[in-house]
Amino acid sequence: MSDNSQKKVIVGMSGGVDSSVSAYLLKQQGYQVEGLFMKNWEEDDNEEYCTAAEDLADAQAVCDKLGIHLHTINFAAEYWDNVFEYFLAEYKAGRTPNPDILCNKEIKFKAFLEFADEVLDADYIAMGHYVRRTFPTAEDIANGEKPRMLRGLDNNKDQSYFLYTLSSEQVARSLFPVGDLEKPEVRRIAEEQDLITAKKKDSTGICFIGERKFTDFLGRYLPAQPGNIETPEGKVIGKHNGLMYHTLGQRKGLHIGGQKGGGGNEDPWFVGDKDLKRNVLIAVQGKDHPMLKSQGLLASQLHWVDREAIKDPLQCTVKTRYRQTDIPCTIIPIDDESIKVIFDEPQIAVTPGQSAVFYQDDVCLGGGIIEERI
């Protein structure tokens, strides 16, 4: 028997292939494995978008196949209070938030971990995220080394961007079994083990809310405020349904494609800025327009995974959105709560409200919320 046989792991079972294979791998490694399915959104009307019932059935089928017990828990109140209200407030303020990051922070690695700890007596929790972690030895820990979070092996699936708010203590309590695998290998294992989720497509859309038409969904909670679309010179060229429906650098959905710019310019239009005071969307032509480019950014609400606040300038790389190629940059501390980030080369469509996440090689250092571009 391995040493793992005395360790109890609670796996977040989503009804997807990644968590299914995570549970299988942990069982193979000798752990005492149980599943926990979270319901984090209360369906209103006869939702075809929110697939909680189907996901629960799939999670139960996988647990039955693997011979593990599945618990269920409803975190809808926590999700509403700690994730969704922030999400709405950010959109109302004209920013573009990332609810998946907050969901990981407040639900999957806080509420879930607390429940697994206090009710299910877990040694670890496990999730189907594509990230890796280090395992310092007792001697390393005695010398002050903390567990670090690393990018997932599958560069196309790496999810460290969404997990930068984890503390080293949370990382120490978490296992990520598929982080060392590439997605095709995960699906192959699921097929070999005849798991019902083997060919289930990956979920997309807002964390826990599913795939629904975003403008319709947001309109249920925030009244739209239509306004003008203008050029930087102030010429009105169209109407928007609400600033909250648009993000910097956006090209599609502006409905101004037939408009020509100055001098008969026929380049495509992009969202260049939002004038919140006047409720005006500023549109510019061409993906290389200067208004789309930023030399850097200011970030706050900082979180560092395995270190204290950065005191001195630091050269590293940054992602300002998921799956972006790493941008070489320099972090310049302003104080413990805010930083200036200067890119080695100007970047397109840096978006306030999104997260800037920092790396050195494969190590995820941490990140913060983009306050403004510079």
Protein backbone atom coordinates (compact mmCIF):
# COMPACT_ATOMS: atom_id res chain seq x y z
CA MET A 1 0.00 0.00 0.00
CA SER A 2 1.28 3.47 -0.78
CA ASP A 3 1.57 6.20 1.83
CA ASN A 4 -1.33 7.85 0.04
CA SER A 5 -3.75 5.23 1.38
CA GLN A 6 -4.07 7.19 4.62
CA LYS A 7 -4.83 10.46 2.78
CA LYS A 8 -8.37 11.51 1.92
CA VAL A 9 -8.92 13.61 -1.21
CA ILE A 10 -12.18 15.34 -2.10
CA VAL A 11 -12.39 15.85 -5.86
CA GLY A 12 -14.48 18.65 -7.32
CA MET A 13 -16.65 16.64 -9.72
CA SER A 14 -18.09 18.93 -12.40
CA GLY A 15 -19.51 16.27 -14.70
CA GLY A 16 -16.70 16.96 -17.17
CA VAL A 17 -13.87 14.80 -18.45
CA ASP A 18 -11.04 16.57 -16.59
CA SER A 19 -12.48 16.06 -13.10
CA SER A 20 -13.53 12.52 -14.03
CA VAL A 21 -9.98 11.56 -15.01
CA SER A 22 -8.60 13.41 -11.97
CA ALA A 23 -10.69 11.17 -9.69
CA TYR A 24 -9.55 8.06 -11.58
CA LEU A 25 -5.86 9.01 -11.39
CA LEU A 26 -6.02 9.76 -7.66
CA LYS A 27 -7.67 6.42 -7.01
CA GLN A 28 -4.90 4.73 -9.01
CA GLN A 29 -2.36 6.55 -6.83
CA GLY A 30 -3.88 4.95 -3.74
CA TYR A 31 -5.70 7.89 -2.18
CA GLN A 32 -9.04 7.60 -0.39
CA VAL A 33 -11.13 9.45 -2.97
CA GLU A 34 -14.58 10.97 -2.64
CA GLY A 35 -16.34 13.39 -4.99
CA LEU A 36 -18.15 16.65 -4.29
CA PHE A 37 -20.50 18.20 -6.85
CA MET A 38 -21.19 21.92 -6.42
CA LYS A 39 -24.38 23.61 -7.48
CA ASN A 40 -23.59 27.30 -7.69
CA TRP A 41 -26.43 28.79 -9.70
CA GLU A 42 -30.18 28.52 -9.18
CA GLU A 43 -31.85 27.98 -12.54
CA ASP A 44 -34.64 30.40 -13.29
CA ASP A 45 -37.32 29.37 -15.80
CA ASN A 46 -36.74 26.22 -17.86
CA GLU A 47 -33.09 26.92 -18.63
CA GLU A 48 -31.70 25.08 -21.58
CA TYR A 49 -28.34 26.71 -20.95
CA CYS A 50 -27.62 25.71 -17.37
CA THR A 51 -26.90 22.01 -17.43
CA ALA A 52 -26.58 21.36 -13.69
CA ALA A 53 -28.93 18.35 -13.67
CA GLU A 54 -27.16 16.71 -16.61
CA ASP A 55 -23.74 17.47 -15.11
CA LEU A 56 -24.74 15.96 -11.76
CA ALA A 57 -26.00 12.81 -13.50
CA ASP A 58 -22.68 12.50 -15.37
CA ALA A 59 -20.68 13.08 -12.19
CA GLN A 60 -22.73 10.41 -10.39
CA ALA A 61 -22.24 7.94 -13.25
CA VAL A 62 -18.47 8.46 -13.15
CA CYS A 63 -18.35 8.05 -9.36
CA ASP A 64 -20.44 4.88 -9.61
CA LYS A 65 -18.05 3.54 -12.25
CA LEU A 66 -15.01 4.33 -10.09
CA GLY A 67 -16.62 3.08 -6.89
CA ILE A 68 -16.40 6.37 -5.01
CA HIS A 69 -19.02 8.26 -3.01
CA LEU A 70 -20.38 11.53 -4.43
CA HIS A 71 -21.45 14.33 -2.08
CA THR A 72 -23.40 17.37 -3.27
CA ILE A 73 -23.42 20.92 -1.92
CA ASN A 74 -25.27 24.10 -2.88
CA PHE A 75 -23.05 27.19 -2.92
CA ALA A 76 -25.53 29.37 -4.86
CA ALA A 77 -25.78 31.96 -2.06
CA GLU A 78 -22.00 32.23 -1.75
CA TYR A 79 -21.66 32.51 -5.52
CA TRP A 80 -24.26 35.28 -5.71
CA ASP A 81 -22.79 37.28 -2.81
CA ASN A 82 -19.08 36.86 -3.53
CA VAL A 83 -18.87 36.46 -7.31
CA PHE A 84 -21.97 37.53 -9.19
CA GLU A 85 -22.62 40.84 -7.42
CA TYR A 86 -19.00 41.90 -8.06
CA PHE A 87 -19.38 40.80 -11.69
CA LEU A 88 -22.46 43.02 -12.10
CA ALA A 89 -20.85 45.98 -10.31
CA GLU A 90 -17.82 45.83 -12.59
CA TYR A 91 -19.93 45.74 -15.74
CA LYS A 92 -22.04 48.61 -14.41
CA ALA A 93 -18.81 50.59 -13.96
CA GLY A 94 -17.91 49.99 -17.61
CA ARG A 95 -15.17 47.48 -16.87
CA THR A 96 -14.80 43.91 -18.13
CA PRO A 97 -14.40 41.50 -15.19
CA ASN A 98 -13.30 37.88 -15.23
CA PRO A 99 -15.78 35.98 -13.03
CA ASP A 100 -13.95 32.65 -13.42
CA ILE A 101 -10.98 34.01 -11.46
CA LEU A 102 -13.21 35.21 -8.63
CA CYS A 103 -15.15 31.93 -8.70
CA ASN A 104 -11.92 29.99 -8.17
CA LYS A 105 -10.94 32.32 -5.33
CA GLU A 106 -14.26 32.44 -3.48
CA ILE A 107 -15.93 29.13 -4.35
CA LYS A 108 -13.66 26.33 -5.59
CA PHE A 109 -10.68 27.03 -3.34
CA LYS A 110 -12.43 28.72 -0.41
CA ALA A 111 -16.03 27.56 0.19
CA PHE A 112 -15.25 24.12 -1.29
CA LEU A 113 -12.01 23.74 0.70
CA GLU A 114 -13.70 24.82 3.94
CA PHE A 115 -16.55 22.32 3.42
CA ALA A 116 -14.11 19.54 2.52
CA ASP A 117 -12.10 20.38 5.65
CA GLU A 118 -14.83 20.89 8.21
CA VAL A 119 -17.49 18.43 7.04
CA LEU A 120 -15.67 15.77 5.02
CA ASP A 121 -12.35 15.72 6.94
CA ALA A 122 -10.19 16.02 3.82
CA ASP A 123 -6.42 16.00 3.69
CA TYR A 124 -6.49 17.47 0.18
CA ILE A 125 -8.91 18.75 -2.38
CA ALA A 126 -8.40 18.11 -6.10
CA MET A 127 -9.64 19.86 -9.21
CA GLY A 128 -9.45 19.14 -12.93
CA HIS A 129 -7.45 22.29 -13.67
CA TYR A 130 -4.51 22.21 -16.05
CA VAL A 131 -1.89 23.52 -13.63
CA ARG A 132 0.98 21.94 -11.74
CA ARG A 133 2.45 22.56 -8.31
CA THR A 134 5.70 21.94 -6.50
CA PHE A 135 5.99 19.63 -3.49
CA PRO A 136 8.66 21.04 -1.14
CA THR A 137 10.26 18.53 1.22
CA ALA A 138 9.98 18.91 4.98
CA GLU A 139 13.52 20.29 4.94
CA ASP A 140 12.60 22.79 2.21
CA ILE A 141 9.58 23.95 4.21
CA ALA A 142 11.71 24.30 7.36
CA ASN A 143 13.97 26.57 5.31
CA GLY A 144 11.02 28.76 4.34
CA GLU A 145 10.20 27.36 0.90
CA LYS A 146 6.52 27.41 -0.03
CA PRO A 147 4.63 25.37 -2.62
CA ARG A 148 4.59 27.10 -5.98
CA MET A 149 2.05 27.00 -8.76
CA LEU A 150 3.31 26.13 -12.25
CA ARG A 151 1.75 26.31 -15.68
CA GLY A 152 0.02 23.16 -16.90
CA LEU A 153 2.08 20.92 -19.16
CA ASP A 154 -0.43 21.41 -22.01
CA ASN A 155 0.32 24.97 -23.05
CA ASN A 156 -2.95 25.20 -24.96
CA LYS A 157 -4.96 24.26 -21.85
CA ASP A 158 -2.88 25.87 -19.08
CA GLN A 159 -5.25 27.45 -16.54
CA SER A 160 -2.80 29.12 -14.17
CA TYR A 161 -4.11 32.51 -15.39
CA PHE A 162 -7.40 31.74 -13.60
CA LEU A 163 -5.73 30.57 -10.36
CA TYR A 164 -3.29 33.37 -9.53
CA THR A 165 -5.33 34.36 -6.45
CA LEU A 166 -4.48 31.10 -4.67
CA SER A 167 -2.22 31.35 -1.63
CA SER A 168 0.67 28.97 -1.07
CA GLU A 169 -1.43 27.46 1.76
CA GLN A 170 -4.26 26.72 -0.69
CA VAL A 171 -1.80 25.31 -3.22
CA ALA A 172 -0.38 23.06 -0.47
CA ARG A 173 -3.85 21.59 0.15
CA SER A 174 -4.66 21.09 -3.55
CA LEU A 175 -3.85 18.38 -6.09
CA PHE A 176 -4.07 18.82 -9.86
CA PRO A 177 -3.81 15.33 -11.40
CA VAL A 178 -4.28 16.34 -15.06
CA GLY A 179 -1.78 19.21 -14.88
CA ASP A 180 1.00 16.89 -16.06
CA LEU A 181 -1.03 15.65 -19.03
CA GLU A 182 -2.09 16.99 -22.40
CA LYS A 183 -5.81 17.09 -23.17
CA PRO A 184 -5.80 14.28 -25.78
CA GLU A 185 -4.19 12.00 -23.19
CA VAL A 186 -6.91 12.88 -20.67
CA ARG A 187 -9.61 11.95 -23.18
CA ARG A 188 -7.74 8.74 -24.05
CA ILE A 189 -7.68 7.69 -20.37
CA ALA A 190 -11.40 8.46 -20.04
CA GLU A 191 -12.17 6.32 -23.10
CA GLU A 192 -9.98 3.45 -21.86
CA GLN A 193 -11.82 3.49 -18.53
CA ASP A 194 -15.19 3.74 -20.29
CA LEU A 195 -16.14 6.94 -18.46
CA ILE A 196 -19.36 8.54 -19.68
CA THR A 197 -17.64 11.95 -19.93
CA ALA A 198 -14.91 10.78 -22.34
CA LYS A 199 -16.34 12.62 -25.34
CA LYS A 200 -18.26 15.34 -23.52
CA LYS A 201 -17.34 18.74 -24.90
CA ASP A 202 -15.55 21.24 -22.67
CA SER A 203 -17.77 23.80 -20.95
CA THR A 204 -17.52 27.43 -21.96
CA GLY A 205 -19.31 30.61 -20.94
CA ILE A 206 -19.49 32.28 -17.55
CA CYS A 207 -18.30 30.13 -14.68
CA PHE A 208 -21.24 28.00 -13.46
CA ILE A 209 -23.82 29.92 -15.50
CA GLY A 210 -23.19 28.06 -18.71
CA GLU A 211 -23.58 28.87 -22.37
CA ARG A 212 -26.31 31.39 -22.91
CA LYS A 213 -26.63 34.55 -24.96
CA PHE A 214 -24.57 36.97 -22.90
CA THR A 215 -26.35 40.22 -23.83
CA ASP A 216 -29.76 38.74 -22.97
CA PHE A 217 -28.46 37.34 -19.69
CA LEU A 218 -26.74 40.56 -18.59
CA GLY A 219 -29.83 42.57 -19.57
CA ARG A 220 -31.85 40.68 -16.95
CA TYR A 221 -29.78 42.22 -14.18
CA LEU A 222 -28.51 45.54 -15.55
CA PRO A 223 -30.68 48.00 -17.48
CA ALA A 224 -29.06 48.82 -20.80
CA GLN A 225 -28.14 52.46 -21.40
CA PRO A 226 -27.93 53.08 -25.15
CA GLY A 227 -25.66 55.83 -26.40
CA ASN A 228 -23.63 57.09 -29.32
CA ILE A 229 -20.65 55.53 -31.04
CA GLU A 230 -18.21 58.28 -31.99
CA THR A 231 -14.85 58.66 -33.69
CA PRO A 232 -12.00 60.14 -31.61
CA GLU A 233 -12.81 63.45 -33.34
CA GLY A 234 -16.39 63.37 -32.04
CA LYS A 235 -18.26 62.37 -35.19
CA VAL A 236 -21.31 60.22 -34.41
CA ILE A 237 -21.16 57.06 -36.54
CA GLY A 238 -23.63 54.76 -34.81
CA LYS A 239 -25.45 53.69 -31.65
CA HIS A 240 -24.55 51.17 -28.95
CA ASN A 241 -26.96 49.28 -26.68
CA GLY A 242 -24.85 49.73 -23.56
CA LEU A 243 -21.15 50.19 -22.79
CA MET A 244 -21.24 47.02 -20.70
CA TYR A 245 -21.71 44.92 -23.84
CA HIS A 246 -18.43 46.07 -25.36
CA THR A 247 -14.78 45.52 -24.54
CA LEU A 248 -11.62 47.28 -25.72
CA GLY A 249 -10.29 45.97 -29.00
CA GLN A 250 -13.66 44.43 -29.94
CA ARG A 251 -14.36 44.33 -33.67
CA LYS A 252 -17.57 42.33 -34.09
CA GLY A 253 -21.01 43.55 -33.12
CA LEU A 254 -20.51 47.29 -33.59
CA HIS A 255 -22.83 47.44 -36.64
CA ILE A 256 -20.90 50.31 -38.20
CA GLY A 257 -19.11 48.30 -40.89
CA GLY A 258 -20.37 50.44 -43.77
CA GLN A 259 -19.01 53.66 -42.27
CA LYS A 260 -15.93 55.18 -43.85
CA GLY A 261 -13.44 57.13 -41.83
CA GLY A 262 -11.63 60.31 -42.71
CA GLY A 263 -10.27 60.38 -46.25
CA GLY A 264 -12.46 57.44 -47.25
CA ASN A 265 -10.64 55.04 -44.90
CA GLU A 266 -12.31 51.62 -45.17
CA ASP A 267 -10.29 49.82 -42.46
CA PRO A 268 -12.40 47.82 -39.95
CA TRP A 269 -13.64 49.54 -36.80
CA PHE A 270 -12.56 48.56 -33.28
CA VAL A 271 -13.58 49.70 -29.80
CA GLY A 272 -10.83 52.13 -28.83
CA ASP A 273 -12.18 53.50 -25.56
CA LYS A 274 -15.25 54.08 -23.40
CA ASP A 275 -16.30 57.56 -22.24
CA LEU A 276 -18.25 56.63 -19.12
CA LYS A 277 -19.27 60.19 -18.24
CA ARG A 278 -20.93 60.74 -21.62
CA ASN A 279 -21.93 57.08 -22.16
CA VAL A 280 -20.10 57.14 -25.49
CA LEU A 281 -18.24 54.31 -27.19
CA ILE A 282 -15.15 55.51 -29.06
CA ALA A 283 -14.46 53.57 -32.27
CA VAL A 284 -11.20 53.66 -34.22
CA GLN A 285 -10.12 52.21 -37.54
CA GLY A 286 -7.42 49.60 -38.08
CA LYS A 287 -5.96 47.14 -35.59
CA ASP A 288 -2.78 49.24 -35.37
CA HIS A 289 -4.54 52.45 -34.34
CA PRO A 290 -2.57 54.21 -31.54
CA MET A 291 -5.62 54.23 -29.22
CA LEU A 292 -5.57 50.43 -29.16
CA LYS A 293 -1.96 50.29 -28.01
CA SER A 294 -0.65 50.52 -24.46
CA GLN A 295 2.90 50.96 -23.17
CA GLY A 296 1.91 49.36 -19.90
CA LEU A 297 -0.73 49.27 -17.18
CA LEU A 298 -1.52 50.06 -13.58
CA ALA A 299 -2.80 47.18 -11.44
CA SER A 300 -4.20 46.88 -7.91
CA GLN A 301 -5.86 44.20 -5.73
CA LEU A 302 -2.55 42.36 -5.95
CA HIS A 303 -2.01 38.78 -4.91
CA TRP A 304 1.30 36.90 -4.88
CA VAL A 305 1.15 33.11 -4.66
CA ASP A 306 4.32 32.28 -2.74
CA ARG A 307 5.94 35.60 -1.84
CA GLU A 308 5.40 38.87 -0.03
CA ALA A 309 4.62 42.10 -1.87
CA ILE A 310 7.29 42.95 -4.44
CA LYS A 311 9.52 45.78 -3.18
CA ASP A 312 11.90 46.25 -6.10
CA PRO A 313 11.50 46.36 -9.90
CA LEU A 314 11.16 42.86 -11.32
CA GLN A 315 11.62 41.64 -14.88
CA CYS A 316 9.20 38.87 -15.80
CA THR A 317 6.40 38.16 -18.27
CA VAL A 318 2.69 38.97 -18.07
CA LYS A 319 -0.59 37.82 -19.59
CA THR A 320 -3.40 40.38 -19.72
CA ARG A 321 -5.91 37.81 -21.01
CA TYR A 322 -6.23 34.03 -21.16
CA ARG A 323 -4.18 32.13 -23.75
CA GLN A 324 -2.21 35.24 -24.66
CA THR A 325 1.45 34.82 -25.57
CA ASP A 326 3.61 35.94 -22.64
CA ILE A 327 4.59 39.63 -22.79
CA PRO A 328 8.07 40.52 -21.46
CA CYS A 329 7.68 43.36 -18.95
CA THR A 330 9.02 45.12 -15.87
CA ILE A 331 6.97 45.41 -12.67
CA ILE A 332 7.57 48.67 -10.80
CA PRO A 333 6.05 48.68 -7.29
CA ILE A 334 4.08 51.79 -6.33
CA ASP A 335 3.13 50.48 -2.88
CA ASP A 336 2.05 47.13 -1.39
CA GLU A 337 -1.34 47.45 -3.06
CA SER A 338 -0.49 48.70 -6.55
CA ILE A 339 2.10 48.39 -9.31
CA LYS A 340 3.03 49.90 -12.63
CA VAL A 341 3.85 47.45 -15.42
CA ILE A 342 5.88 48.55 -18.43
CA PHE A 343 5.83 46.29 -21.50
CA ASP A 344 9.00 45.74 -23.51
CA GLU A 345 6.86 46.48 -26.60
CA PRO A 346 3.42 48.19 -26.89
CA GLN A 347 0.43 45.85 -26.59
CA ILE A 348 -3.07 45.83 -28.07
CA ALA A 349 -6.39 45.91 -26.17
CA VAL A 350 -5.26 45.95 -22.54
CA THR A 351 -8.63 45.96 -20.74
CA PRO A 352 -9.42 47.48 -17.31
CA GLY A 353 -11.19 44.97 -15.06
CA GLN A 354 -9.30 42.01 -16.50
CA SER A 355 -6.39 40.42 -14.66
CA ALA A 356 -2.69 40.83 -15.31
CA VAL A 357 -0.94 37.59 -14.30
CA PHE A 358 2.85 37.38 -13.96
CA TYR A 359 5.29 34.56 -14.65
CA GLN A 360 8.95 33.66 -14.42
CA ASP A 361 9.45 30.69 -16.73
CA ASP A 362 6.76 28.17 -15.65
CA VAL A 363 6.18 29.67 -12.20
CA CYS A 364 2.99 31.70 -11.74
CA LEU A 365 4.04 34.55 -9.44
CA GLY A 366 0.59 36.10 -8.93
CA GLY A 367 -1.24 39.04 -10.40
CA GLY A 368 -3.75 41.83 -9.98
CA ILE A 369 -6.68 43.67 -11.54
CA ILE A 370 -5.92 46.08 -14.38
CA GLU A 371 -7.03 49.55 -13.26
CA GLU A 372 -5.94 51.50 -16.31
CA ARG A 373 -3.69 51.27 -19.32
CA ILE A 374 -0.77 53.64 -19.82
